[in-house]
């Protein structure tokens, strides 16, 4: 696995973060925004499912994603 697909990894991390944000916003949303956050949650879950499937087909494991996320954050801090 010498050739890591960084765009796929970044998309997984970004989509997971967006799903977490939509979940939190849904919990505190006013009535007018509940449908909006519901659609965001559903869309992000579908995208995340697709990205996980792609990652598994490339031989990645989710633990690797978390490890790469930590490494990327550490590099950005330097």
Protein backbone atom coordinates (compact mmCIF):
# COMPACT_ATOMS: atom_id res chain seq x y z
CA UNK A 1 0.00 0.00 0.00
CA UNK A 2 2.75 2.38 -1.05
CA UNK A 3 0.43 4.69 -2.97
CA UNK A 4 -1.98 6.10 -0.38
CA UNK A 5 -5.04 7.86 -1.77
CA UNK A 6 -4.90 11.01 0.33
CA UNK A 7 -7.95 12.56 -1.34
CA UNK A 8 -10.05 9.55 -0.32
CA UNK A 9 -8.73 9.74 3.24
CA UNK A 10 -9.36 13.50 3.41
CA UNK A 11 -12.90 13.00 2.06
CA UNK A 12 -13.60 10.33 4.68
CA UNK A 13 -12.40 12.57 7.49
CA UNK A 14 -14.25 15.64 6.16
CA UNK A 15 -17.51 13.75 5.62
CA UNK A 16 -17.35 12.17 9.08
CA UNK A 17 -16.79 15.62 10.60
CA UNK A 18 -19.69 17.10 8.60
CA UNK A 19 -21.95 14.28 9.77
CA UNK A 20 -21.00 14.91 13.40
CA UNK A 21 -21.70 18.63 13.00
CA UNK A 22 -25.07 17.97 11.33
CA UNK A 23 -25.99 15.57 14.15
CA UNK A 24 -25.14 18.18 16.79
CA UNK A 25 -27.00 20.91 14.91
CA UNK A 26 -30.05 18.67 14.51
CA UNK A 27 -30.19 18.22 18.28
CA UNK A 28 -30.45 21.97 18.85
CA UNK A 29 -32.26 22.99 15.66
CA UNK A 30 -35.35 25.13 15.67
CA UNK A 31 -38.41 23.64 13.99
CA UNK A 32 -37.76 25.36 10.65
CA UNK A 33 -34.30 23.75 10.34
CA UNK A 34 -35.05 20.18 11.38
CA UNK A 35 -35.74 19.05 7.81
CA UNK A 36 -32.57 20.76 6.59
CA UNK A 37 -30.35 18.94 9.10
CA UNK A 38 -32.20 15.67 8.48
CA UNK A 39 -31.30 15.90 4.79
CA UNK A 40 -27.70 16.80 5.65
CA UNK A 41 -27.43 13.80 7.94
CA UNK A 42 -28.90 11.46 5.34
CA UNK A 43 -26.64 12.81 2.58
CA UNK A 44 -23.51 12.59 4.72
CA UNK A 45 -24.35 9.04 5.81
CA UNK A 46 -24.78 8.00 2.17
CA UNK A 47 -21.51 9.68 1.18
CA UNK A 48 -19.66 8.18 4.14
CA UNK A 49 -20.99 4.71 3.29
CA UNK A 50 -19.76 5.11 -0.29
CA UNK A 51 -16.33 6.36 0.82
CA UNK A 52 -15.94 3.51 3.32
CA UNK A 53 -16.79 1.04 0.57
CA UNK A 54 -14.17 2.65 -1.70
CA UNK A 55 -11.58 2.58 1.07
CA UNK A 56 -12.24 -1.10 1.80
CA UNK A 57 -11.92 -1.94 -1.90
CA UNK A 58 -8.49 -0.28 -1.84
CA UNK A 59 -7.51 -2.34 1.19
CA UNK A 60 -7.71 0.42 3.81
CA UNK A 61 -8.96 -0.24 7.30
CA UNK A 62 -10.80 2.38 9.31
CA UNK A 63 -8.15 2.29 12.01
CA UNK A 64 -5.67 3.40 9.35
CA UNK A 65 -7.88 6.40 8.64
CA UNK A 66 -7.82 7.45 12.29
CA UNK A 67 -4.07 6.98 12.44
CA UNK A 68 -3.55 9.04 9.27
CA UNK A 69 -5.84 11.75 10.65
CA UNK A 70 -3.65 12.04 13.74
CA UNK A 71 -0.52 12.13 11.61
CA UNK A 72 -1.98 14.85 9.38
CA UNK A 73 -2.96 16.98 12.37
CA UNK A 74 0.50 16.59 13.87
CA UNK A 75 2.13 17.66 10.59
CA UNK A 76 -0.12 20.73 10.34
CA UNK A 77 0.83 21.75 13.88
CA UNK A 78 4.53 21.76 13.02
